[in-house]
């Protein structure tokens, strides 16, 4: 059974930084692309960033590009999201998930439609 657990969310002031972590078990972590998503109250879940299985390719939504950095540690089955220059509009529940459509695909897609095995999320609140 696949289990995904996000952590690292917190209350932070605008302009601050946070690093989120996501650990995954029950799957061969380094076979799959991974993604970070977020959902604000009353809004749909949207893609934030994704990373290929090797970490060689990363993609970001326009709203976070240049401020957030996705990375992964395949030896420890862990995905990270470094968030800098946080804004109030970054306030949301953050989720990670795996794209298990294929193994060792050297790309990833910024669409939640391709991802499964969602965690419970970790709350990020940015105060202005």
Protein backbone atom coordinates (compact mmCIF):
# COMPACT_ATOMS: atom_id res chain seq x y z
CA UNK A 1 0.00 0.00 0.00
CA UNK A 2 1.35 3.39 -0.99
CA UNK A 3 1.62 5.94 1.77
CA UNK A 4 2.54 9.58 1.26
CA UNK A 5 3.16 11.93 4.18
CA UNK A 6 3.76 15.66 3.88
CA UNK A 7 5.32 17.79 6.61
CA UNK A 8 6.91 21.16 7.24
CA UNK A 9 3.92 23.44 6.93
CA UNK A 10 3.74 26.37 9.33
CA UNK A 11 2.62 29.93 9.91
CA UNK A 12 5.17 32.33 8.44
CA UNK A 13 5.33 36.03 7.72
CA UNK A 14 5.26 37.36 4.20
CA UNK A 15 8.74 37.36 2.73
CA UNK A 16 9.78 34.38 4.80
CA UNK A 17 10.81 30.89 3.81
CA UNK A 18 9.70 27.32 4.47
CA UNK A 19 10.79 23.89 3.31
CA UNK A 20 8.18 21.19 2.88
CA UNK A 21 9.01 17.50 2.87
CA UNK A 22 7.16 14.49 1.55
CA UNK A 23 8.06 10.90 2.21
CA UNK A 24 6.61 8.06 0.19
CA UNK A 25 6.56 4.36 0.95
CA UNK A 26 5.04 1.32 -0.68
CA UNK A 27 6.35 2.23 -4.11
CA UNK A 28 9.67 2.34 -5.87
CA UNK A 29 10.15 6.05 -5.29
CA UNK A 30 12.84 6.65 -7.88
CA UNK A 31 10.73 5.11 -10.65
CA UNK A 32 8.28 8.00 -10.73
CA UNK A 33 7.89 11.68 -11.26
CA UNK A 34 6.57 13.53 -8.23
CA UNK A 35 4.59 16.70 -7.86
CA UNK A 36 3.58 19.34 -5.35
CA UNK A 37 0.09 20.78 -5.38
CA UNK A 38 -1.85 23.21 -3.27
CA UNK A 39 -5.43 23.97 -2.47
CA UNK A 40 -6.73 27.14 -0.89
CA UNK A 41 -10.16 27.24 0.77
CA UNK A 42 -12.90 27.39 -1.83
CA UNK A 43 -10.51 26.81 -4.70
CA UNK A 44 -9.50 23.86 -6.82
CA UNK A 45 -6.30 21.95 -6.19
CA UNK A 46 -3.63 23.31 -8.49
CA UNK A 47 -0.19 22.16 -9.52
CA UNK A 48 2.76 24.01 -8.04
CA UNK A 49 5.78 22.06 -9.27
CA UNK A 50 6.89 18.67 -10.49
CA UNK A 51 10.15 16.79 -10.87
CA UNK A 52 11.18 13.85 -13.05
CA UNK A 53 12.30 10.57 -11.51
CA UNK A 54 15.97 11.51 -11.71
CA UNK A 55 15.51 15.10 -10.66
CA UNK A 56 16.90 16.17 -13.98
CA UNK A 57 13.80 18.04 -15.06
CA UNK A 58 11.69 20.36 -13.00
CA UNK A 59 8.70 22.51 -13.84
CA UNK A 60 6.95 25.29 -11.95
CA UNK A 61 3.69 27.12 -12.18
CA UNK A 62 4.02 30.75 -13.18
CA UNK A 63 2.91 31.90 -9.75
CA UNK A 64 5.86 30.28 -7.95
CA UNK A 65 8.61 30.23 -10.56
CA UNK A 66 11.73 31.90 -9.27
CA UNK A 67 10.61 31.61 -5.63
CA UNK A 68 10.11 27.86 -5.09
CA UNK A 69 12.56 25.02 -5.71
CA UNK A 70 11.58 21.35 -5.94
CA UNK A 71 14.11 18.60 -5.28
CA UNK A 72 14.22 14.95 -4.34
CA UNK A 73 16.42 12.53 -2.44
CA UNK A 74 15.80 9.14 -4.00
CA UNK A 75 18.02 7.35 -1.51
CA UNK A 76 15.64 8.42 1.25
CA UNK A 77 12.35 8.42 -0.68
CA UNK A 78 11.86 12.10 0.06
CA UNK A 79 10.57 15.01 -1.97
CA UNK A 80 11.19 18.64 -0.97
CA UNK A 81 9.77 22.05 -1.78
CA UNK A 82 11.89 25.03 -0.76
CA UNK A 83 9.66 28.10 -0.66
CA UNK A 84 11.19 31.58 -0.52
CA UNK A 85 9.73 35.07 -0.64
CA UNK A 86 6.39 33.76 0.52
CA UNK A 87 3.27 35.78 -0.19
CA UNK A 88 -0.17 35.74 1.40
CA UNK A 89 -1.52 34.14 -1.78
CA UNK A 90 0.71 31.11 -1.12
CA UNK A 91 -1.52 30.24 1.83
CA UNK A 92 -2.98 26.80 1.18
CA UNK A 93 -2.88 23.13 2.05
CA UNK A 94 0.08 21.61 0.22
CA UNK A 95 0.04 18.05 -1.10
CA UNK A 96 2.49 15.80 -2.85
CA UNK A 97 1.68 12.91 -5.15
CA UNK A 98 3.28 10.45 -7.53
CA UNK A 99 2.71 10.13 -11.26
CA UNK A 100 2.71 6.37 -11.71
CA UNK A 101 1.71 6.22 -15.34
CA UNK A 102 5.15 5.03 -16.36
CA UNK A 103 8.58 4.24 -14.96
CA UNK A 104 11.66 6.38 -15.47
CA UNK A 105 9.91 8.93 -17.65
CA UNK A 106 12.25 11.86 -18.05
CA UNK A 107 9.57 14.49 -17.78
CA UNK A 108 6.66 15.43 -15.55
CA UNK A 109 3.36 17.20 -16.06
CA UNK A 110 1.82 20.07 -14.14
CA UNK A 111 -1.65 18.59 -13.97
CA UNK A 112 -3.24 16.85 -11.03
CA UNK A 113 -5.05 14.52 -13.45
CA UNK A 114 -1.91 12.42 -13.83
CA UNK A 115 -1.14 11.96 -10.14
CA UNK A 116 -2.32 9.42 -7.62
CA UNK A 117 -1.54 8.40 -4.07
CA UNK A 118 -2.19 11.70 -2.37
CA UNK A 119 -1.13 12.46 1.19
CA UNK A 120 -3.14 14.31 3.82
CA UNK A 121 -1.39 17.58 3.16
CA UNK A 122 0.48 20.13 5.25
CA UNK A 123 -0.87 23.62 5.95
CA UNK A 124 1.09 26.70 4.94
CA UNK A 125 -0.21 30.02 6.19
CA UNK A 126 1.48 33.27 5.20
CA UNK A 127 0.57 36.33 7.20
CA UNK A 128 0.87 39.75 5.61
